[in-house]
Amino acid sequence: MDAAAKKASFDSADFINLLKTIRDLTDQGWIRTGSSKASDDLFKTIQAVNVPTVLFMPQMQYGGKSKVYRTPGAGTGSGVSFAPNLMLAMNEKSKVKDEAWQFLQFLLSDEMQSAPGFNGFPVRQSSLRKTVGGIMEKLQNGKVQIRVQSQDGQTTQQPTVGDKDKETVLQIAGMADTYIYEDTQVMRIAREEADAFFKGEKSAEDTARSIQNRVTTYLNE
């Protein structure tokens, strides 16, 4: 969807095939629904809001035997999408542009990006390495504990992180290249129309057309 151009492509062959693929995965048991979803789902979506999430989450799910994968996709982009939790802008008519730029530079400095109280994913490689190094130091001192989820319940243990895990963090951060913005209204439309498809009441083609029509109307309101 291109909100700026007020165009949507939900009636495309790619989206129709995506709907069919999701239903096939559900029918085959790869995606669980209903009461069994929370405990038996074979895939879980995580938001990499900070470095510890990427380092420790694989050890906290499925009895410590899970792995982080990039969401499959198509198109020209080969990286991963990202969504910031804070957006900053500078007014073109501002009388304190120099001060504003200095403030932004300070926020992006290694001092701020690697600060202990920084709760996010550093955008500087040097800061990211410092953050990982700080976590490794805490691990060596036994100051980090995680809860591992399995079919038998939860256990608390100290995580183990090796060089491969550290490189995974650096690799994922370096692949972030696609900014995304989730429009809650579009997501609501997609969920409402897709519900009939997954219940077997509508075809994928009819569902895609319904989503396309409603989203196009919304974009042009």
C-alpha atoms as a PDB file:
ATOM      1  CA  MET A   1       0.000   0.000   0.000  1.00  0.00           C
ATOM      2  CA  ASP A   2       1.232   3.495  -0.921  1.00  0.00           C
ATOM      3  CA  ALA A   3      -0.656   5.851   1.391  1.00  0.00           C
ATOM      4  CA  ALA A   4       0.924   8.972  -0.086  1.00  0.00           C
ATOM      5  CA  ALA A   5      -0.229   8.054  -3.594  1.00  0.00           C
ATOM      6  CA  LYS A   6      -3.535   6.716  -2.230  1.00  0.00           C
ATOM      7  CA  LYS A   7      -3.008   3.363  -3.933  1.00  0.00           C
ATOM      8  CA  ALA A   8      -3.421  -0.183  -2.671  1.00  0.00           C
ATOM      9  CA  SER A   9      -2.639  -3.554  -4.252  1.00  0.00           C
ATOM     10  CA  PHE A  10      -4.562  -6.019  -2.141  1.00  0.00           C
ATOM     11  CA  ASP A  11      -6.181  -7.497  -5.258  1.00  0.00           C
ATOM     12  CA  SER A  12      -2.777  -8.525  -6.620  1.00  0.00           C
ATOM     13  CA  ALA A  13      -1.821 -12.127  -7.290  1.00  0.00           C
ATOM     14  CA  ASP A  14       0.854 -11.958  -4.559  1.00  0.00           C
ATOM     15  CA  PHE A  15      -1.659 -11.028  -1.848  1.00  0.00           C
ATOM     16  CA  ILE A  16      -4.181 -13.614  -3.042  1.00  0.00           C
ATOM     17  CA  ASN A  17      -1.488 -16.296  -2.923  1.00  0.00           C
ATOM     18  CA  LEU A  18      -0.501 -15.099   0.553  1.00  0.00           C
ATOM     19  CA  LEU A  19      -4.045 -15.634   1.805  1.00  0.00           C
ATOM     20  CA  LYS A  20      -4.083 -19.140   0.341  1.00  0.00           C
ATOM     21  CA  THR A  21      -0.688 -19.958   1.816  1.00  0.00           C
ATOM     22  CA  ILE A  22      -1.760 -18.881   5.301  1.00  0.00           C
ATOM     23  CA  ARG A  23      -4.882 -21.035   5.076  1.00  0.00           C
ATOM     24  CA  ASP A  24      -2.851 -24.012   3.845  1.00  0.00           C
ATOM     25  CA  LEU A  25      -0.402 -23.629   6.744  1.00  0.00           C
ATOM     26  CA  THR A  26      -3.317 -23.456   9.155  1.00  0.00           C
ATOM     27  CA  ASP A  27      -5.001 -26.530   7.659  1.00  0.00           C
ATOM     28  CA  GLN A  28      -1.718 -28.456   7.906  1.00  0.00           C
ATOM     29  CA  GLY A  29      -1.265 -27.508  11.559  1.00  0.00           C
ATOM     30  CA  TRP A  30       1.750 -25.264  11.115  1.00  0.00           C
ATOM     31  CA  ILE A  31      -0.247 -22.275  12.365  1.00  0.00           C
ATOM     32  CA  ARG A  32      -2.468 -22.952  15.351  1.00  0.00           C
ATOM     33  CA  THR A  33      -5.687 -21.134  16.217  1.00  0.00           C
ATOM     34  CA  GLY A  34      -8.074 -21.151  19.143  1.00  0.00           C
ATOM     35  CA  SER A  35      -7.208 -22.261  22.681  1.00  0.00           C
ATOM     36  CA  SER A  36      -4.110 -24.246  21.603  1.00  0.00           C
ATOM     37  CA  LYS A  37      -2.448 -21.276  19.935  1.00  0.00           C
ATOM     38  CA  ALA A  38      -0.618 -19.920  22.981  1.00  0.00           C
ATOM     39  CA  SER A  39       1.100 -23.175  23.938  1.00  0.00           C
ATOM     40  CA  ASP A  40       1.402 -25.103  20.679  1.00  0.00           C
ATOM     41  CA  ASP A  41       2.011 -22.517  17.962  1.00  0.00           C
ATOM     42  CA  LEU A  42       5.028 -23.537  15.911  1.00  0.00           C
ATOM     43  CA  PHE A  43       5.906 -19.934  14.985  1.00  0.00           C
ATOM     44  CA  LYS A  44       5.923 -16.853  17.164  1.00  0.00           C
ATOM     45  CA  THR A  45       6.406 -13.247  16.145  1.00  0.00           C
ATOM     46  CA  ILE A  46       8.819 -11.213  18.235  1.00  0.00           C
ATOM     47  CA  GLN A  47       9.555  -7.514  18.154  1.00  0.00           C
ATOM     48  CA  ALA A  48      13.275  -6.909  18.396  1.00  0.00           C
ATOM     49  CA  VAL A  49      12.860  -3.850  20.598  1.00  0.00           C
ATOM     50  CA  ASN A  50      16.331  -4.195  22.089  1.00  0.00           C
ATOM     51  CA  VAL A  51      19.470  -6.323  22.019  1.00  0.00           C
ATOM     52  CA  PRO A  52      18.497  -8.701  24.880  1.00  0.00           C
ATOM     53  CA  THR A  53      15.341  -9.681  22.966  1.00  0.00           C
ATOM     54  CA  VAL A  54      17.351 -11.020  20.033  1.00  0.00           C
ATOM     55  CA  LEU A  55      20.005 -12.595  22.259  1.00  0.00           C
ATOM     56  CA  PHE A  56      17.768 -14.327  24.789  1.00  0.00           C
ATOM     57  CA  MET A  57      14.353 -14.895  23.204  1.00  0.00           C
ATOM     58  CA  PRO A  58      15.436 -18.022  21.255  1.00  0.00           C
ATOM     59  CA  GLN A  59      16.453 -19.593  24.582  1.00  0.00           C
ATOM     60  CA  MET A  60      13.185 -18.616  26.257  1.00  0.00           C
ATOM     61  CA  GLN A  61      10.815 -20.306  23.784  1.00  0.00           C
ATOM     62  CA  TYR A  62      10.213 -23.957  22.881  1.00  0.00           C
ATOM     63  CA  GLY A  63      12.435 -25.248  25.652  1.00  0.00           C
ATOM     64  CA  GLY A  64      15.395 -23.231  24.416  1.00  0.00           C
ATOM     65  CA  LYS A  65      15.389 -24.840  20.978  1.00  0.00           C
ATOM     66  CA  SER A  66      13.996 -21.988  18.894  1.00  0.00           C
ATOM     67  CA  LYS A  67      15.740 -19.762  16.360  1.00  0.00           C
ATOM     68  CA  VAL A  68      15.183 -16.243  15.021  1.00  0.00           C
ATOM     69  CA  TYR A  69      14.330 -16.050  11.313  1.00  0.00           C
ATOM     70  CA  ARG A  70      13.721 -13.094   9.069  1.00  0.00           C
ATOM     71  CA  THR A  71      10.134 -12.917   7.846  1.00  0.00           C
ATOM     72  CA  PRO A  72       9.962 -14.201   4.243  1.00  0.00           C
ATOM     73  CA  GLY A  73       9.070 -11.575   1.693  1.00  0.00           C
ATOM     74  CA  ALA A  74       9.208 -10.568  -1.923  1.00  0.00           C
ATOM     75  CA  GLY A  75      10.325  -7.497  -3.796  1.00  0.00           C
ATOM     76  CA  THR A  76      13.587  -5.668  -4.232  1.00  0.00           C
ATOM     77  CA  GLY A  77      14.416  -5.326  -0.528  1.00  0.00           C
ATOM     78  CA  SER A  78      16.620  -7.990   1.002  1.00  0.00           C
ATOM     79  CA  GLY A  79      16.757  -6.657   4.555  1.00  0.00           C
ATOM     80  CA  VAL A  80      14.341  -6.446   7.450  1.00  0.00           C
ATOM     81  CA  SER A  81      11.663  -3.894   8.242  1.00  0.00           C
ATOM     82  CA  PHE A  82      11.764  -1.577  11.219  1.00  0.00           C
ATOM     83  CA  ALA A  83       9.394   0.779  13.028  1.00  0.00           C
ATOM     84  CA  PRO A  84      10.695   3.436  15.446  1.00  0.00           C
ATOM     85  CA  ASN A  85       8.884   4.204  18.687  1.00  0.00           C
ATOM     86  CA  LEU A  86       9.922   7.856  18.533  1.00  0.00           C
ATOM     87  CA  MET A  87       9.875  10.170  15.519  1.00  0.00           C
ATOM     88  CA  LEU A  88      11.642  13.539  15.558  1.00  0.00           C
ATOM     89  CA  ALA A  89      11.389  16.313  13.002  1.00  0.00           C
ATOM     90  CA  MET A  90      12.645  19.855  12.670  1.00  0.00           C
ATOM     91  CA  ASN A  91      10.428  22.727  11.570  1.00  0.00           C
ATOM     92  CA  GLU A  92      11.650  24.399   8.400  1.00  0.00           C
ATOM     93  CA  LYS A  93      10.710  27.784   9.877  1.00  0.00           C
ATOM     94  CA  SER A  94      12.450  27.166  13.183  1.00  0.00           C
ATOM     95  CA  LYS A  95      14.703  29.932  14.456  1.00  0.00           C
ATOM     96  CA  VAL A  96      16.892  27.488  16.377  1.00  0.00           C
ATOM     97  CA  LYS A  97      17.909  25.067  13.622  1.00  0.00           C
ATOM     98  CA  ASP A  98      21.534  24.951  14.709  1.00  0.00           C
ATOM     99  CA  GLU A  99      20.538  24.027  18.255  1.00  0.00           C
ATOM    100  CA  ALA A 100      18.082  21.422  16.945  1.00  0.00           C
ATOM    101  CA  TRP A 101      20.776  19.809  14.813  1.00  0.00           C
ATOM    102  CA  GLN A 102      23.144  19.744  17.779  1.00  0.00           C
ATOM    103  CA  PHE A 103      20.465  18.030  19.842  1.00  0.00           C
ATOM    104  CA  LEU A 104      19.880  15.400  17.146  1.00  0.00           C
ATOM    105  CA  GLN A 105      23.608  14.816  16.823  1.00  0.00           C
ATOM    106  CA  PHE A 106      23.800  14.334  20.578  1.00  0.00           C
ATOM    107  CA  LEU A 107      21.000  11.754  20.482  1.00  0.00           C
ATOM    108  CA  LEU A 108      22.858   9.854  17.770  1.00  0.00           C
ATOM    109  CA  SER A 109      26.230  10.112  19.500  1.00  0.00           C
ATOM    110  CA  ASP A 110      27.994   7.056  20.854  1.00  0.00           C
ATOM    111  CA  GLU A 111      27.576   8.514  24.340  1.00  0.00           C
ATOM    112  CA  MET A 112      23.796   8.373  24.108  1.00  0.00           C
ATOM    113  CA  GLN A 113      23.393   5.302  21.896  1.00  0.00           C
ATOM    114  CA  SER A 114      25.468   3.125  24.233  1.00  0.00           C
ATOM    115  CA  ALA A 115      24.228   4.650  27.500  1.00  0.00           C
ATOM    116  CA  PRO A 116      23.152   2.017  30.087  1.00  0.00           C
ATOM    117  CA  GLY A 117      19.684   3.561  30.328  1.00  0.00           C
ATOM    118  CA  PHE A 118      19.113   3.461  26.568  1.00  0.00           C
ATOM    119  CA  ASN A 119      16.232   1.037  26.039  1.00  0.00           C
ATOM    120  CA  GLY A 120      16.240   0.383  22.342  1.00  0.00           C
ATOM    121  CA  PHE A 121      18.327  -0.813  19.430  1.00  0.00           C
ATOM    122  CA  PRO A 122      21.395   1.409  18.845  1.00  0.00           C
ATOM    123  CA  VAL A 123      21.675   2.729  15.304  1.00  0.00           C
ATOM    124  CA  ARG A 124      25.457   3.082  15.529  1.00  0.00           C
ATOM    125  CA  GLN A 125      27.530  -0.053  14.989  1.00  0.00           C
ATOM    126  CA  SER A 126      30.075   1.038  17.596  1.00  0.00           C
ATOM    127  CA  SER A 127      27.308   1.621  20.150  1.00  0.00           C
ATOM    128  CA  LEU A 128      25.697  -1.703  19.298  1.00  0.00           C
ATOM    129  CA  ARG A 129      28.967  -3.538  19.921  1.00  0.00           C
ATOM    130  CA  LYS A 130      29.366  -1.753  23.264  1.00  0.00           C
ATOM    131  CA  THR A 131      25.845  -2.737  24.249  1.00  0.00           C
ATOM    132  CA  VAL A 132      26.481  -6.379  23.368  1.00  0.00           C
ATOM    133  CA  GLY A 133      29.772  -6.225  25.260  1.00  0.00           C
ATOM    134  CA  GLY A 134      28.008  -4.880  28.338  1.00  0.00           C
ATOM    135  CA  ILE A 135      25.490  -7.696  28.250  1.00  0.00           C
ATOM    136  CA  MET A 136      28.265 -10.258  27.889  1.00  0.00           C
ATOM    137  CA  GLU A 137      29.985  -8.828  30.954  1.00  0.00           C
ATOM    138  CA  LYS A 138      26.785  -9.152  32.973  1.00  0.00           C
ATOM    139  CA  LEU A 139      26.433 -12.735  31.776  1.00  0.00           C
ATOM    140  CA  GLN A 140      29.929 -13.586  32.930  1.00  0.00           C
ATOM    141  CA  ASN A 141      29.142 -12.133  36.344  1.00  0.00           C
ATOM    142  CA  GLY A 142      25.957 -14.196  36.580  1.00  0.00           C
ATOM    143  CA  LYS A 143      23.720 -11.121  36.711  1.00  0.00           C
ATOM    144  CA  VAL A 144      21.290 -12.238  33.986  1.00  0.00           C
ATOM    145  CA  GLN A 145      18.556 -14.831  34.400  1.00  0.00           C
ATOM    146  CA  ILE A 146      15.837 -15.826  31.925  1.00  0.00           C
ATOM    147  CA  ARG A 147      12.651 -17.861  32.089  1.00  0.00           C
ATOM    148  CA  VAL A 148      12.566 -20.767  29.660  1.00  0.00           C
ATOM    149  CA  GLN A 149       9.099 -21.764  28.428  1.00  0.00           C
ATOM    150  CA  SER A 150       8.416 -25.426  27.639  1.00  0.00           C
ATOM    151  CA  GLN A 151       5.519 -27.867  27.695  1.00  0.00           C
ATOM    152  CA  ASP A 152       6.407 -28.711  31.298  1.00  0.00           C
ATOM    153  CA  GLY A 153       6.123 -25.090  32.413  1.00  0.00           C
ATOM    154  CA  GLN A 154       8.781 -22.466  33.138  1.00  0.00           C
ATOM    155  CA  THR A 155      12.287 -22.771  34.523  1.00  0.00           C
ATOM    156  CA  THR A 156      14.726 -20.013  35.442  1.00  0.00           C
ATOM    157  CA  GLN A 157      18.307 -20.279  34.272  1.00  0.00           C
ATOM    158  CA  GLN A 158      21.302 -18.302  33.155  1.00  0.00           C
ATOM    159  CA  PRO A 159      21.404 -17.852  29.361  1.00  0.00           C
ATOM    160  CA  THR A 160      24.375 -18.929  27.279  1.00  0.00           C
ATOM    161  CA  VAL A 161      25.497 -16.591  24.501  1.00  0.00           C
ATOM    162  CA  GLY A 162      28.328 -17.321  22.095  1.00  0.00           C
ATOM    163  CA  ASP A 163      30.060 -15.520  19.257  1.00  0.00           C
ATOM    164  CA  LYS A 164      27.463 -16.779  16.774  1.00  0.00           C
ATOM    165  CA  ASP A 165      24.673 -15.191  18.814  1.00  0.00           C
ATOM    166  CA  LYS A 166      26.509 -11.881  18.941  1.00  0.00           C
ATOM    167  CA  GLU A 167      27.012 -11.904  15.190  1.00  0.00           C
ATOM    168  CA  THR A 168      23.302 -12.590  14.691  1.00  0.00           C
ATOM    169  CA  VAL A 169      22.481  -9.361  16.538  1.00  0.00           C
ATOM    170  CA  LEU A 170      24.931  -7.348  14.442  1.00  0.00           C
ATOM    171  CA  GLN A 171      23.669  -8.947  11.236  1.00  0.00           C
ATOM    172  CA  ILE A 172      20.002  -8.254  11.973  1.00  0.00           C
ATOM    173  CA  ALA A 173      20.734  -4.636  12.893  1.00  0.00           C
ATOM    174  CA  GLY A 174      22.694  -4.160   9.685  1.00  0.00           C
ATOM    175  CA  MET A 175      19.831  -5.515   7.571  1.00  0.00           C
ATOM    176  CA  ALA A 176      17.234  -2.987   8.788  1.00  0.00           C
ATOM    177  CA  ASP A 177      16.440  -1.049   5.628  1.00  0.00           C
ATOM    178  CA  THR A 178      12.659  -0.784   5.233  1.00  0.00           C
ATOM    179  CA  TYR A 179      10.627   1.629   7.338  1.00  0.00           C
ATOM    180  CA  ILE A 180       7.074   0.484   7.984  1.00  0.00           C
ATOM    181  CA  TYR A 181       4.042   2.255   9.375  1.00  0.00           C
ATOM    182  CA  GLU A 182       1.091   0.171  10.507  1.00  0.00           C
ATOM    183  CA  ASP A 183      -2.235   1.796   9.710  1.00  0.00           C
ATOM    184  CA  THR A 184      -4.660   0.441  12.304  1.00  0.00           C
ATOM    185  CA  GLN A 185      -7.684   1.137  10.088  1.00  0.00           C
ATOM    186  CA  VAL A 186      -6.238  -0.871   7.188  1.00  0.00           C
ATOM    187  CA  MET A 187      -5.330  -3.714   9.534  1.00  0.00           C
ATOM    188  CA  ARG A 188      -8.897  -3.738  10.883  1.00  0.00           C
ATOM    189  CA  ILE A 189     -10.322  -3.900   7.354  1.00  0.00           C
ATOM    190  CA  ALA A 190      -7.992  -6.765   6.425  1.00  0.00           C
ATOM    191  CA  ARG A 191      -8.916  -8.755   9.543  1.00  0.00           C
ATOM    192  CA  GLU A 192     -12.639  -8.254   9.062  1.00  0.00           C
ATOM    193  CA  GLU A 193     -12.641  -9.288   5.400  1.00  0.00           C
ATOM    194  CA  ALA A 194     -10.175 -12.155   5.819  1.00  0.00           C
ATOM    195  CA  ASP A 195     -12.296 -13.722   8.553  1.00  0.00           C
ATOM    196  CA  ALA A 196     -14.890 -14.902   6.021  1.00  0.00           C
ATOM    197  CA  PHE A 197     -12.149 -16.407   3.845  1.00  0.00           C
ATOM    198  CA  PHE A 198     -10.629 -18.430   6.667  1.00  0.00           C
ATOM    199  CA  LYS A 199     -14.094 -19.668   7.609  1.00  0.00           C
ATOM    200  CA  GLY A 200     -14.548 -20.917   4.040  1.00  0.00           C
ATOM    201  CA  GLU A 201     -17.355 -18.454   3.263  1.00  0.00           C
ATOM    202  CA  LYS A 202     -15.500 -16.483   0.554  1.00  0.00           C
ATOM    203  CA  SER A 203     -12.806 -17.199  -1.990  1.00  0.00           C
ATOM    204  CA  ALA A 204      -9.367 -15.630  -1.747  1.00  0.00           C
ATOM    205  CA  GLU A 205     -10.097 -13.617  -4.890  1.00  0.00           C
ATOM    206  CA  ASP A 206     -13.355 -12.179  -3.520  1.00  0.00           C
ATOM    207  CA  THR A 207     -11.702 -11.439  -0.186  1.00  0.00           C
ATOM    208  CA  ALA A 208      -8.842  -9.596  -1.861  1.00  0.00           C
ATOM    209  CA  ARG A 209     -11.263  -7.515  -3.924  1.00  0.00           C
ATOM    210  CA  SER A 210     -13.282  -6.607  -0.830  1.00  0.00           C
ATOM    211  CA  ILE A 211     -10.159  -5.507   1.013  1.00  0.00           C
ATOM    212  CA  GLN A 212      -8.988  -3.562  -2.024  1.00  0.00           C
ATOM    213  CA  ASN A 213     -12.302  -1.716  -2.390  1.00  0.00           C
ATOM    214  CA  ARG A 214     -12.594  -0.801   1.286  1.00  0.00           C
ATOM    215  CA  VAL A 215      -8.967   0.293   1.638  1.00  0.00           C
ATOM    216  CA  THR A 216      -9.159   2.367  -1.554  1.00  0.00           C
ATOM    217  CA  THR A 217     -12.291   4.083  -0.238  1.00  0.00           C
ATOM    218  CA  TYR A 218     -10.524   4.736   3.086  1.00  0.00           C
ATOM    219  CA  LEU A 219      -7.436   6.198   1.389  1.00  0.00           C
ATOM    220  CA  ASN A 220      -9.541   8.580  -0.664  1.00  0.00           C
ATOM    221  CA  GLU A 221     -11.740   9.824   2.168  1.00  0.00           C
END
